[in-house]
Amino acid sequence: MGLHRPVLRAAAPALVLAGVSVVAWAAWLGWDQRQEVRADGSVSGPYEAWQVAGLAATLLAAVCCAAARGHSAAAVAGTTVGLTLAAYVDWSGEASGLFMVGVVLVMAGSFVASAVVTAVVSALTDTLGRDRPLTR
């Protein structure tokens, strides 16, 4: 039983970030499933730019918090897994099978974006932490 507690403690931040990512996807993108047909016949959507920006801002805050607390790997892994899962579930009803291209792009993009943000936040946290005197 004692072996499971350290494993759960190590996995908890990644599971939380994955959950936050899935919930954020559902809140920002999950409810809008209709494509817009313009007067010229072109099709756009189903997501508006403000929805994607809202999702990005929400996840930026979550990744920054996790990275600042020293959970860099969990921030990258949790966000990537959560967004990939959400995209797969949301888009899997598409008949042509091309939805997997989008899912792979979401996976790659979320991995790279969360890794860059985590690296920057970790570097800033390390730099600012070294400059401050220790107080108790």
N, C-alpha and C. Protein backbone atom coordinates (compact mmCIF):
# COMPACT_ATOMS: atom_id res chain seq x y z
N MET A 1 0.81 -1.19 0.00
CA MET A 1 0.00 0.00 0.00
C MET A 1 0.86 1.26 0.00
N GLY A 2 2.00 1.23 0.68
CA GLY A 2 2.87 2.39 0.75
C GLY A 2 3.47 2.78 -0.58
N LEU A 3 3.59 1.83 -1.50
CA LEU A 3 4.16 2.11 -2.82
C LEU A 3 3.22 2.97 -3.66
N HIS A 4 1.93 2.82 -3.46
CA HIS A 4 0.96 3.54 -4.28
C HIS A 4 0.89 5.03 -3.95
N ARG A 5 1.12 5.39 -2.71
CA ARG A 5 1.01 6.79 -2.32
C ARG A 5 2.05 7.67 -3.03
N PRO A 6 3.34 7.28 -3.11
CA PRO A 6 4.29 8.12 -3.85
C PRO A 6 3.98 8.19 -5.35
N VAL A 7 3.48 7.10 -5.89
CA VAL A 7 3.12 7.11 -7.31
C VAL A 7 1.96 8.06 -7.56
N LEU A 8 0.96 8.00 -6.70
CA LEU A 8 -0.19 8.89 -6.84
C LEU A 8 0.22 10.34 -6.63
N ARG A 9 1.09 10.58 -5.65
CA ARG A 9 1.56 11.93 -5.39
C ARG A 9 2.33 12.50 -6.59
N ALA A 10 3.10 11.66 -7.26
CA ALA A 10 3.85 12.10 -8.44
C ALA A 10 2.94 12.32 -9.64
N ALA A 11 1.90 11.51 -9.76
CA ALA A 11 1.00 11.60 -10.92
C ALA A 11 -0.10 12.64 -10.74
N ALA A 12 -0.38 13.04 -9.53
CA ALA A 12 -1.50 13.95 -9.26
C ALA A 12 -1.44 15.26 -10.04
N PRO A 13 -0.30 15.96 -10.08
CA PRO A 13 -0.28 17.21 -10.85
C PRO A 13 -0.60 17.01 -12.34
N ALA A 14 -0.09 15.94 -12.93
CA ALA A 14 -0.38 15.68 -14.34
C ALA A 14 -1.86 15.35 -14.54
N LEU A 15 -2.43 14.58 -13.62
CA LEU A 15 -3.86 14.25 -13.72
C LEU A 15 -4.73 15.49 -13.56
N VAL A 16 -4.32 16.39 -12.65
CA VAL A 16 -5.07 17.63 -12.47
C VAL A 16 -5.00 18.47 -13.74
N LEU A 17 -3.81 18.61 -14.32
CA LEU A 17 -3.67 19.39 -15.56
C LEU A 17 -4.45 18.76 -16.71
N ALA A 18 -4.45 17.45 -16.79
CA ALA A 18 -5.23 16.77 -17.84
C ALA A 18 -6.71 17.06 -17.64
N GLY A 19 -7.17 17.00 -16.39
CA GLY A 19 -8.58 17.31 -16.10
C GLY A 19 -8.93 18.75 -16.42
N VAL A 20 -8.06 19.67 -16.05
CA VAL A 20 -8.27 21.09 -16.36
C VAL A 20 -8.35 21.29 -17.87
N SER A 21 -7.50 20.60 -18.62
CA SER A 21 -7.48 20.73 -20.08
C SER A 21 -8.78 20.23 -20.70
N VAL A 22 -9.26 19.10 -20.23
CA VAL A 22 -10.51 18.54 -20.76
C VAL A 22 -11.68 19.46 -20.43
N VAL A 23 -11.74 19.92 -19.19
CA VAL A 23 -12.84 20.81 -18.78
C VAL A 23 -12.77 22.14 -19.55
N ALA A 24 -11.57 22.67 -19.73
CA ALA A 24 -11.42 23.92 -20.48
C ALA A 24 -11.85 23.74 -21.93
N TRP A 25 -11.49 22.62 -22.54
CA TRP A 25 -11.92 22.34 -23.91
C TRP A 25 -13.44 22.32 -23.97
N ALA A 26 -14.06 21.60 -23.05
CA ALA A 26 -15.52 21.49 -23.04
C ALA A 26 -16.18 22.86 -22.83
N ALA A 27 -15.61 23.65 -21.94
CA ALA A 27 -16.20 24.96 -21.64
C ALA A 27 -16.05 25.94 -22.80
N TRP A 28 -14.89 25.94 -23.45
CA TRP A 28 -14.64 26.92 -24.50
C TRP A 28 -15.06 26.44 -25.88
N LEU A 29 -14.82 25.16 -26.19
CA LEU A 29 -15.03 24.67 -27.56
C LEU A 29 -16.12 23.60 -27.69
N GLY A 30 -16.38 22.88 -26.63
CA GLY A 30 -17.24 21.71 -26.73
C GLY A 30 -18.68 21.97 -27.08
N TRP A 31 -19.17 23.14 -26.79
CA TRP A 31 -20.58 23.43 -27.02
C TRP A 31 -20.87 23.94 -28.42
N ASP A 32 -19.87 24.34 -29.17
CA ASP A 32 -20.07 24.93 -30.50
C ASP A 32 -19.69 23.89 -31.56
N GLN A 33 -20.68 23.27 -32.18
CA GLN A 33 -20.42 22.21 -33.15
C GLN A 33 -20.88 22.56 -34.56
N ARG A 34 -21.41 23.76 -34.76
CA ARG A 34 -21.95 24.13 -36.07
C ARG A 34 -20.97 24.95 -36.88
N GLN A 35 -20.83 24.59 -38.14
CA GLN A 35 -20.00 25.40 -39.04
C GLN A 35 -20.86 26.51 -39.64
N GLU A 36 -20.24 27.64 -39.86
CA GLU A 36 -20.92 28.80 -40.43
C GLU A 36 -20.74 28.81 -41.94
N VAL A 37 -21.83 28.98 -42.69
CA VAL A 37 -21.77 29.09 -44.14
C VAL A 37 -21.98 30.55 -44.49
N ARG A 38 -20.97 31.14 -45.13
CA ARG A 38 -21.03 32.55 -45.49
C ARG A 38 -21.84 32.74 -46.77
N ALA A 39 -22.14 33.99 -47.10
CA ALA A 39 -22.94 34.32 -48.28
C ALA A 39 -22.27 33.84 -49.57
N ASP A 40 -20.93 33.82 -49.61
CA ASP A 40 -20.23 33.40 -50.81
C ASP A 40 -20.10 31.87 -50.90
N GLY A 41 -20.65 31.15 -49.92
CA GLY A 41 -20.60 29.70 -49.94
C GLY A 41 -19.45 29.09 -49.18
N SER A 42 -18.52 29.92 -48.73
CA SER A 42 -17.39 29.39 -47.97
C SER A 42 -17.85 28.99 -46.56
N VAL A 43 -17.12 28.05 -45.99
CA VAL A 43 -17.49 27.51 -44.68
C VAL A 43 -16.38 27.83 -43.69
N SER A 44 -16.75 28.22 -42.48
CA SER A 44 -15.78 28.44 -41.42
C SER A 44 -16.30 27.84 -40.13
N GLY A 45 -15.40 27.64 -39.21
CA GLY A 45 -15.82 27.14 -37.91
C GLY A 45 -15.52 25.68 -37.74
N PRO A 46 -16.00 25.11 -36.72
CA PRO A 46 -17.08 25.58 -35.87
C PRO A 46 -16.65 26.56 -34.78
N TYR A 47 -15.36 26.78 -34.60
CA TYR A 47 -14.92 27.61 -33.49
C TYR A 47 -14.62 29.02 -33.97
N GLU A 48 -14.92 29.98 -33.10
CA GLU A 48 -14.56 31.37 -33.35
C GLU A 48 -13.20 31.64 -32.72
N ALA A 49 -12.54 32.69 -33.17
CA ALA A 49 -11.21 33.02 -32.66
C ALA A 49 -11.23 33.28 -31.15
N TRP A 50 -12.27 33.93 -30.65
CA TRP A 50 -12.35 34.25 -29.23
C TRP A 50 -12.45 32.98 -28.38
N GLN A 51 -13.05 31.92 -28.91
CA GLN A 51 -13.15 30.67 -28.16
C GLN A 51 -11.76 30.03 -28.01
N VAL A 52 -11.02 30.00 -29.09
CA VAL A 52 -9.68 29.42 -29.07
C VAL A 52 -8.75 30.26 -28.19
N ALA A 53 -8.89 31.58 -28.26
CA ALA A 53 -8.08 32.46 -27.40
C ALA A 53 -8.43 32.25 -25.93
N GLY A 54 -9.69 32.05 -25.62
CA GLY A 54 -10.10 31.77 -24.24
C GLY A 54 -9.52 30.47 -23.73
N LEU A 55 -9.54 29.44 -24.58
CA LEU A 55 -8.94 28.16 -24.20
C LEU A 55 -7.45 28.33 -23.96
N ALA A 56 -6.78 29.02 -24.86
CA ALA A 56 -5.34 29.24 -24.72
C ALA A 56 -5.01 30.01 -23.45
N ALA A 57 -5.78 31.05 -23.14
CA ALA A 57 -5.52 31.84 -21.93
C ALA A 57 -5.76 31.02 -20.67
N THR A 58 -6.80 30.21 -20.68
CA THR A 58 -7.09 29.36 -19.52
C THR A 58 -5.96 28.37 -19.27
N LEU A 59 -5.51 27.73 -20.34
CA LEU A 59 -4.43 26.75 -20.20
C LEU A 59 -3.09 27.41 -19.92
N LEU A 60 -2.88 28.61 -20.43
CA LEU A 60 -1.66 29.35 -20.12
C LEU A 60 -1.56 29.59 -18.62
N ALA A 61 -2.66 29.99 -18.01
CA ALA A 61 -2.66 30.22 -16.56
C ALA A 61 -2.39 28.93 -15.80
N ALA A 62 -3.01 27.83 -16.22
CA ALA A 62 -2.82 26.55 -15.53
C ALA A 62 -1.38 26.05 -15.67
N VAL A 63 -0.82 26.15 -16.87
CA VAL A 63 0.55 25.69 -17.10
C VAL A 63 1.54 26.56 -16.32
N CYS A 64 1.32 27.86 -16.31
CA CYS A 64 2.22 28.76 -15.56
C CYS A 64 2.18 28.44 -14.07
N CYS A 65 1.00 28.20 -13.52
CA CYS A 65 0.89 27.86 -12.09
C CYS A 65 1.63 26.57 -11.78
N ALA A 66 1.43 25.56 -12.62
CA ALA A 66 2.10 24.27 -12.38
C ALA A 66 3.61 24.40 -12.50
N ALA A 67 4.08 25.10 -13.51
CA ALA A 67 5.51 25.26 -13.71
C ALA A 67 6.14 26.07 -12.58
N ALA A 68 5.46 27.10 -12.12
CA ALA A 68 5.99 27.92 -11.03
C ALA A 68 6.09 27.13 -9.73
N ARG A 69 5.27 26.11 -9.59
CA ARG A 69 5.31 25.26 -8.39
C ARG A 69 6.26 24.08 -8.54
N GLY A 70 6.97 24.03 -9.68
CA GLY A 70 7.97 22.98 -9.88
C GLY A 70 7.46 21.72 -10.54
N HIS A 71 6.27 21.77 -11.12
CA HIS A 71 5.69 20.60 -11.79
C HIS A 71 5.78 20.74 -13.30
N SER A 72 6.99 20.95 -13.80
CA SER A 72 7.18 21.21 -15.24
C SER A 72 6.75 20.03 -16.11
N ALA A 73 7.21 18.84 -15.77
CA ALA A 73 6.86 17.67 -16.58
C ALA A 73 5.37 17.41 -16.53
N ALA A 74 4.76 17.59 -15.38
CA ALA A 74 3.31 17.39 -15.25
C ALA A 74 2.54 18.42 -16.07
N ALA A 75 3.04 19.65 -16.14
CA ALA A 75 2.37 20.69 -16.91
C ALA A 75 2.36 20.33 -18.39
N VAL A 76 3.48 19.85 -18.88
CA VAL A 76 3.58 19.48 -20.30
C VAL A 76 2.76 18.22 -20.58
N ALA A 77 2.98 17.19 -19.79
CA ALA A 77 2.31 15.90 -20.04
C ALA A 77 0.80 16.01 -19.83
N GLY A 78 0.38 16.63 -18.74
CA GLY A 78 -1.04 16.72 -18.44
C GLY A 78 -1.81 17.52 -19.48
N THR A 79 -1.26 18.66 -19.86
CA THR A 79 -1.92 19.50 -20.86
C THR A 79 -1.99 18.79 -22.21
N THR A 80 -0.90 18.17 -22.60
CA THR A 80 -0.88 17.47 -23.89
C THR A 80 -1.87 16.31 -23.91
N VAL A 81 -1.86 15.49 -22.87
CA VAL A 81 -2.78 14.35 -22.82
C VAL A 81 -4.24 14.82 -22.76
N GLY A 82 -4.51 15.81 -21.92
CA GLY A 82 -5.88 16.30 -21.79
C GLY A 82 -6.43 16.89 -23.08
N LEU A 83 -5.66 17.73 -23.74
CA LEU A 83 -6.14 18.33 -24.99
C LEU A 83 -6.26 17.30 -26.10
N THR A 84 -5.33 16.36 -26.16
CA THR A 84 -5.40 15.31 -27.18
C THR A 84 -6.64 14.46 -26.97
N LEU A 85 -6.91 14.08 -25.74
CA LEU A 85 -8.10 13.29 -25.43
C LEU A 85 -9.38 14.07 -25.77
N ALA A 86 -9.42 15.33 -25.38
CA ALA A 86 -10.61 16.15 -25.66
C ALA A 86 -10.84 16.31 -27.16
N ALA A 87 -9.79 16.56 -27.91
CA ALA A 87 -9.93 16.70 -29.36
C ALA A 87 -10.41 15.39 -29.99
N TYR A 88 -9.85 14.28 -29.54
CA TYR A 88 -10.25 12.98 -30.07
C TYR A 88 -11.74 12.72 -29.81
N VAL A 89 -12.16 12.93 -28.60
CA VAL A 89 -13.56 12.67 -28.26
C VAL A 89 -14.49 13.63 -29.01
N ASP A 90 -14.10 14.90 -29.10
CA ASP A 90 -14.94 15.90 -29.76
C ASP A 90 -15.04 15.66 -31.27
N TRP A 91 -13.96 15.26 -31.90
CA TRP A 91 -13.93 15.16 -33.35
C TRP A 91 -14.12 13.75 -33.90
N SER A 92 -14.16 12.75 -33.07
CA SER A 92 -14.17 11.36 -33.56
C SER A 92 -15.42 10.98 -34.35
N GLY A 93 -16.46 11.77 -34.29
CA GLY A 93 -17.67 11.47 -35.06
C GLY A 93 -17.56 11.84 -36.53
N GLU A 94 -16.48 12.47 -36.91
CA GLU A 94 -16.28 12.90 -38.30
C GLU A 94 -16.07 11.67 -39.18
N ALA A 95 -16.81 11.56 -40.27
CA ALA A 95 -16.90 10.32 -41.05
C ALA A 95 -15.66 10.00 -41.89
N SER A 96 -14.93 10.98 -42.36
CA SER A 96 -13.83 10.71 -43.29
C SER A 96 -12.60 10.12 -42.62
N GLY A 97 -12.48 10.27 -41.33
CA GLY A 97 -11.30 9.79 -40.63
C GLY A 97 -10.18 10.81 -40.59
N LEU A 98 -10.36 11.93 -41.25
CA LEU A 98 -9.33 12.97 -41.27
C LEU A 98 -9.21 13.69 -39.93
N PHE A 99 -10.14 13.44 -39.03
CA PHE A 99 -10.07 14.09 -37.73
C PHE A 99 -8.77 13.73 -37.01
N MET A 100 -8.21 12.58 -37.32
CA MET A 100 -6.97 12.17 -36.65
C MET A 100 -5.80 13.10 -37.01
N VAL A 101 -5.84 13.67 -38.19
CA VAL A 101 -4.81 14.65 -38.55
C VAL A 101 -4.89 15.84 -37.59
N GLY A 102 -6.11 16.31 -37.35
CA GLY A 102 -6.29 17.41 -36.42
C GLY A 102 -5.89 17.05 -35.00
N VAL A 103 -6.22 15.83 -34.59
CA VAL A 103 -5.86 15.38 -33.24
C VAL A 103 -4.34 15.35 -33.07
N VAL A 104 -3.63 14.84 -34.08
CA VAL A 104 -2.17 14.80 -34.01
C VAL A 104 -1.59 16.21 -33.98
N LEU A 105 -2.19 17.12 -34.74
CA LEU A 105 -1.73 18.51 -34.71
C LEU A 105 -1.99 19.17 -33.36
N VAL A 106 -3.13 18.87 -32.75
CA VAL A 106 -3.42 19.38 -31.40
C VAL A 106 -2.39 18.83 -30.42
N MET A 107 -2.09 17.53 -30.54
CA MET A 107 -1.11 16.91 -29.65
C MET A 107 0.26 17.58 -29.80
N ALA A 108 0.72 17.74 -31.03
CA ALA A 108 2.03 18.34 -31.26
C ALA A 108 2.06 19.80 -30.82
N GLY A 109 1.03 20.54 -31.16
CA GLY A 109 0.98 21.95 -30.79
C GLY A 109 0.90 22.17 -29.30
N SER A 110 0.09 21.38 -28.62
CA SER A 110 -0.02 21.54 -27.17
C SER A 110 1.26 21.11 -26.47
N PHE A 111 1.94 20.10 -27.00
CA PHE A 111 3.21 19.69 -26.42
C PHE A 111 4.25 20.80 -26.54
N VAL A 112 4.41 21.33 -27.75
CA VAL A 112 5.41 22.37 -27.98
C VAL A 112 5.07 23.64 -27.19
N ALA A 113 3.82 24.07 -27.25
CA ALA A 113 3.43 25.30 -26.55
C ALA A 113 3.61 25.18 -25.05
N SER A 114 3.15 24.07 -24.48
CA SER A 114 3.27 23.91 -23.03
C SER A 114 4.74 23.73 -22.61
N ALA A 115 5.54 23.10 -23.45
CA ALA A 115 6.97 22.95 -23.14
C ALA A 115 7.68 24.30 -23.16
N VAL A 116 7.38 25.14 -24.12
CA VAL A 116 8.00 26.47 -24.20
C VAL A 116 7.58 27.32 -23.00
N VAL A 117 6.28 27.35 -22.71
CA VAL A 117 5.79 28.14 -21.58
C VAL A 117 6.41 27.64 -20.28
N THR A 118 6.46 26.32 -20.12
CA THR A 118 7.04 25.74 -18.91
C THR A 118 8.52 26.10 -18.78
N ALA A 119 9.25 26.04 -19.87
CA ALA A 119 10.68 26.38 -19.83
C ALA A 119 10.88 27.84 -19.44
N VAL A 120 10.08 28.74 -20.00
CA VAL A 120 10.20 30.16 -19.68
C VAL A 120 9.85 30.42 -18.22
N VAL A 121 8.73 29.85 -17.77
CA VAL A 121 8.31 30.07 -16.38
C VAL A 121 9.32 29.46 -15.41
N SER A 122 9.82 28.28 -15.71
CA SER A 122 10.82 27.65 -14.84
C SER A 122 12.09 28.48 -14.77
N ALA A 123 12.53 29.00 -15.90
CA ALA A 123 13.73 29.83 -15.92
C ALA A 123 13.51 31.12 -15.12
N LEU A 124 12.35 31.74 -15.30
CA LEU A 124 12.06 32.96 -14.54
C LEU A 124 11.95 32.67 -13.05
N THR A 125 11.34 31.57 -12.70
CA THR A 125 11.19 31.19 -11.30
C THR A 125 12.55 30.94 -10.68
N ASP A 126 13.42 30.24 -11.41
CA ASP A 126 14.78 29.98 -10.91
C ASP A 126 15.55 31.28 -10.74
N THR A 127 15.46 32.16 -11.72
CA THR A 127 16.19 33.43 -11.68
C THR A 127 15.69 34.31 -10.54
N LEU A 128 14.39 34.44 -10.42
CA LEU A 128 13.82 35.29 -9.37
C LEU A 128 14.06 34.67 -7.99
N GLY A 129 14.03 33.36 -7.92
CA GLY A 129 14.26 32.68 -6.65
C GLY A 129 15.68 32.86 -6.14
N ARG A 130 16.65 32.95 -7.05
CA ARG A 130 18.05 33.14 -6.66
C ARG A 130 18.31 34.56 -6.19
N ASP A 131 17.56 35.52 -6.72
CA ASP A 131 17.79 36.92 -6.37
C ASP A 131 17.22 37.31 -5.01
N ARG A 132 16.25 36.56 -4.52
CA ARG A 132 15.60 36.90 -3.26
C ARG A 132 16.34 36.27 -2.08
N PRO A 133 16.48 37.01 -1.02
CA PRO A 133 17.08 36.42 0.19
C PRO A 133 16.10 35.46 0.85
N LEU A 134 16.63 34.47 1.51
CA LEU A 134 15.79 33.52 2.22
C LEU A 134 15.25 34.16 3.49
N THR A 135 13.95 34.10 3.65
CA THR A 135 13.32 34.63 4.86
C THR A 135 12.46 33.56 5.47
N ARG A 136 12.40 33.55 6.75
CA ARG A 136 11.56 32.57 7.46
C ARG A 136 10.82 33.24 8.57
